[in-house]
Amino acid sequence: MELPVCTWNSSAANGLYEFGGPSLKSMSSSRFEFPRQTLLVEIERYCSFPDCGWRNRVGLTKTEAIGYRGFDCSKCERWNDDSVEAAELPETWSTEILLGSNTSTAN
């Protein structure tokens, strides 16, 4: 009884094989541009409770940063009231963060 034979096509494995679609050369000429923008910032906060004092790292998206009011300590799991300073965020976010805090206090 013979075992099935597996054949490795080296031209397909190294990318030289051209399938029915566009060739790799024509695909390399097209360019994709992605605007660079900050998607996430990480701030470092310490638990405010004297018996804990644990260092916490909090990751915030732009939307979360606008509504940020505090964090749960990852060690003692107690709530810490907190706010984020405009200097801790990218400049492009600062205007919206400040506008968000002004509109929430006006209501």
C-alpha atoms as a PDB file:
ATOM      1  CA  MET A   1       0.000   0.000   0.000  1.00  0.00           C
ATOM      2  CA  GLU A   2       1.481   3.295  -1.091  1.00  0.00           C
ATOM      3  CA  LEU A   3       1.263   6.466   0.960  1.00  0.00           C
ATOM      4  CA  PRO A   4      -0.115   9.573  -0.707  1.00  0.00           C
ATOM      5  CA  VAL A   5       2.610  11.839  -2.023  1.00  0.00           C
ATOM      6  CA  CYS A   6       2.674  15.476  -1.037  1.00  0.00           C
ATOM      7  CA  THR A   7       4.204  17.796  -3.606  1.00  0.00           C
ATOM      8  CA  TRP A   8       5.499  21.200  -2.577  1.00  0.00           C
ATOM      9  CA  ASN A   9       5.202  23.778  -5.339  1.00  0.00           C
ATOM     10  CA  SER A  10       8.152  26.045  -4.665  1.00  0.00           C
ATOM     11  CA  SER A  11       7.056  28.691  -7.158  1.00  0.00           C
ATOM     12  CA  ALA A  12       3.774  29.114  -5.303  1.00  0.00           C
ATOM     13  CA  ALA A  13       5.526  29.053  -1.915  1.00  0.00           C
ATOM     14  CA  ASN A  14       8.004  31.809  -2.783  1.00  0.00           C
ATOM     15  CA  GLY A  15       5.372  34.045  -4.381  1.00  0.00           C
ATOM     16  CA  LEU A  16       6.469  33.725  -7.999  1.00  0.00           C
ATOM     17  CA  TYR A  17       3.365  31.881  -9.080  1.00  0.00           C
ATOM     18  CA  GLU A  18       0.876  34.154 -10.818  1.00  0.00           C
ATOM     19  CA  PHE A  19      -2.708  33.253 -10.299  1.00  0.00           C
ATOM     20  CA  GLY A  20      -5.611  34.477 -12.404  1.00  0.00           C
ATOM     21  CA  GLY A  21      -5.681  37.914 -10.723  1.00  0.00           C
ATOM     22  CA  PRO A  22      -3.439  40.949 -11.195  1.00  0.00           C
ATOM     23  CA  SER A  23       0.283  40.393 -11.036  1.00  0.00           C
ATOM     24  CA  LEU A  24       2.276  41.339  -7.954  1.00  0.00           C
ATOM     25  CA  LYS A  25       4.115  44.040  -9.879  1.00  0.00           C
ATOM     26  CA  SER A  26       0.924  45.900 -10.731  1.00  0.00           C
ATOM     27  CA  MET A  27      -0.333  45.531  -7.163  1.00  0.00           C
ATOM     28  CA  SER A  28       2.822  47.054  -5.686  1.00  0.00           C
ATOM     29  CA  SER A  29       2.260  50.293  -7.586  1.00  0.00           C
ATOM     30  CA  SER A  30      -0.986  51.025  -5.737  1.00  0.00           C
ATOM     31  CA  ARG A  31      -0.511  52.823  -2.431  1.00  0.00           C
ATOM     32  CA  PHE A  32      -2.653  52.983   0.634  1.00  0.00           C
ATOM     33  CA  GLU A  33      -2.458  56.025   2.840  1.00  0.00           C
ATOM     34  CA  PHE A  34      -3.550  55.895   6.443  1.00  0.00           C
ATOM     35  CA  PRO A  35      -3.678  59.174   8.343  1.00  0.00           C
ATOM     36  CA  ARG A  36      -1.630  58.995  11.511  1.00  0.00           C
ATOM     37  CA  GLN A  37      -3.619  59.793  14.590  1.00  0.00           C
ATOM     38  CA  THR A  38      -3.449  58.785  18.205  1.00  0.00           C
ATOM     39  CA  LEU A  39      -6.013  56.103  18.996  1.00  0.00           C
ATOM     40  CA  LEU A  40      -5.153  55.322  22.609  1.00  0.00           C
ATOM     41  CA  VAL A  41      -3.251  57.000  25.439  1.00  0.00           C
ATOM     42  CA  GLU A  42      -2.079  55.416  28.647  1.00  0.00           C
ATOM     43  CA  ILE A  43      -2.033  57.389  31.878  1.00  0.00           C
ATOM     44  CA  GLU A  44      -0.502  56.269  35.152  1.00  0.00           C
ATOM     45  CA  ARG A  45      -2.403  56.764  38.376  1.00  0.00           C
ATOM     46  CA  TYR A  46      -1.805  55.697  41.971  1.00  0.00           C
ATOM     47  CA  CYS A  47      -4.578  54.468  44.214  1.00  0.00           C
ATOM     48  CA  SER A  48      -5.549  57.269  46.602  1.00  0.00           C
ATOM     49  CA  PHE A  49      -6.237  54.951  49.549  1.00  0.00           C
ATOM     50  CA  PRO A  50      -3.368  54.971  52.091  1.00  0.00           C
ATOM     51  CA  ASP A  51      -3.547  51.220  52.693  1.00  0.00           C
ATOM     52  CA  CYS A  52      -3.126  50.499  48.973  1.00  0.00           C
ATOM     53  CA  GLY A  53      -1.212  53.083  46.888  1.00  0.00           C
ATOM     54  CA  TRP A  54      -1.054  50.673  43.938  1.00  0.00           C
ATOM     55  CA  ARG A  55       0.168  51.980  40.579  1.00  0.00           C
ATOM     56  CA  ASN A  56      -2.531  51.657  37.923  1.00  0.00           C
ATOM     57  CA  ARG A  57      -2.175  52.154  34.202  1.00  0.00           C
ATOM     58  CA  VAL A  58      -5.334  53.342  32.523  1.00  0.00           C
ATOM     59  CA  GLY A  59      -5.734  53.193  28.751  1.00  0.00           C
ATOM     60  CA  LEU A  60      -8.154  55.699  27.275  1.00  0.00           C
ATOM     61  CA  THR A  61      -9.537  56.224  23.808  1.00  0.00           C
ATOM     62  CA  LYS A  62     -10.524  59.740  22.777  1.00  0.00           C
ATOM     63  CA  THR A  63     -14.174  59.098  23.646  1.00  0.00           C
ATOM     64  CA  GLU A  64     -13.264  57.588  27.026  1.00  0.00           C
ATOM     65  CA  ALA A  65     -10.935  60.498  27.814  1.00  0.00           C
ATOM     66  CA  ILE A  66     -13.775  62.977  27.294  1.00  0.00           C
ATOM     67  CA  GLY A  67     -15.919  61.165  29.871  1.00  0.00           C
ATOM     68  CA  TYR A  68     -13.085  60.122  32.231  1.00  0.00           C
ATOM     69  CA  ARG A  69     -14.001  60.654  35.886  1.00  0.00           C
ATOM     70  CA  GLY A  70     -11.873  58.043  37.673  1.00  0.00           C
ATOM     71  CA  PHE A  71     -10.760  54.424  37.803  1.00  0.00           C
ATOM     72  CA  ASP A  72     -11.119  51.210  39.760  1.00  0.00           C
ATOM     73  CA  CYS A  73      -7.860  50.209  41.443  1.00  0.00           C
ATOM     74  CA  SER A  74      -6.666  46.920  40.004  1.00  0.00           C
ATOM     75  CA  LYS A  75      -5.441  45.745  43.421  1.00  0.00           C
ATOM     76  CA  CYS A  76      -8.023  46.824  46.014  1.00  0.00           C
ATOM     77  CA  GLU A  77     -10.847  47.296  43.467  1.00  0.00           C
ATOM     78  CA  ARG A  78     -12.003  50.576  45.039  1.00  0.00           C
ATOM     79  CA  TRP A  79     -13.130  53.571  43.011  1.00  0.00           C
ATOM     80  CA  ASN A  80     -10.773  56.544  42.747  1.00  0.00           C
ATOM     81  CA  ASP A  81     -12.212  59.879  41.615  1.00  0.00           C
ATOM     82  CA  ASP A  82      -9.877  61.391  39.075  1.00  0.00           C
ATOM     83  CA  SER A  83      -9.717  63.663  36.069  1.00  0.00           C
ATOM     84  CA  VAL A  84      -7.387  63.894  33.138  1.00  0.00           C
ATOM     85  CA  GLU A  85      -5.349  67.017  32.449  1.00  0.00           C
ATOM     86  CA  ALA A  86      -5.157  68.433  28.937  1.00  0.00           C
ATOM     87  CA  ALA A  87      -1.339  68.231  29.131  1.00  0.00           C
ATOM     88  CA  GLU A  88      -1.561  64.425  29.468  1.00  0.00           C
ATOM     89  CA  LEU A  89      -3.394  64.071  26.151  1.00  0.00           C
ATOM     90  CA  PRO A  90      -2.422  64.674  22.543  1.00  0.00           C
ATOM     91  CA  GLU A  91      -2.886  68.272  21.402  1.00  0.00           C
ATOM     92  CA  THR A  92      -5.489  67.230  18.862  1.00  0.00           C
ATOM     93  CA  TRP A  93      -7.637  65.836  21.682  1.00  0.00           C
ATOM     94  CA  SER A  94      -7.239  68.728  24.126  1.00  0.00           C
ATOM     95  CA  THR A  95      -9.725  71.073  22.489  1.00  0.00           C
ATOM     96  CA  GLU A  96     -12.480  68.470  22.437  1.00  0.00           C
ATOM     97  CA  ILE A  97     -11.733  67.375  26.008  1.00  0.00           C
ATOM     98  CA  LEU A  98     -12.001  70.954  27.254  1.00  0.00           C
ATOM     99  CA  LEU A  99     -15.170  71.552  25.249  1.00  0.00           C
ATOM    100  CA  GLY A 100     -16.648  68.329  26.642  1.00  0.00           C
ATOM    101  CA  SER A 101     -15.957  69.353  30.243  1.00  0.00           C
ATOM    102  CA  ASN A 102     -17.378  72.865  29.682  1.00  0.00           C
ATOM    103  CA  THR A 103     -20.626  71.553  28.217  1.00  0.00           C
ATOM    104  CA  SER A 104     -21.089  69.038  31.051  1.00  0.00           C
ATOM    105  CA  THR A 105     -20.736  71.757  33.697  1.00  0.00           C
ATOM    106  CA  ALA A 106     -23.118  74.082  31.850  1.00  0.00           C
ATOM    107  CA  ASN A 107     -26.006  71.584  32.059  1.00  0.00           C
END
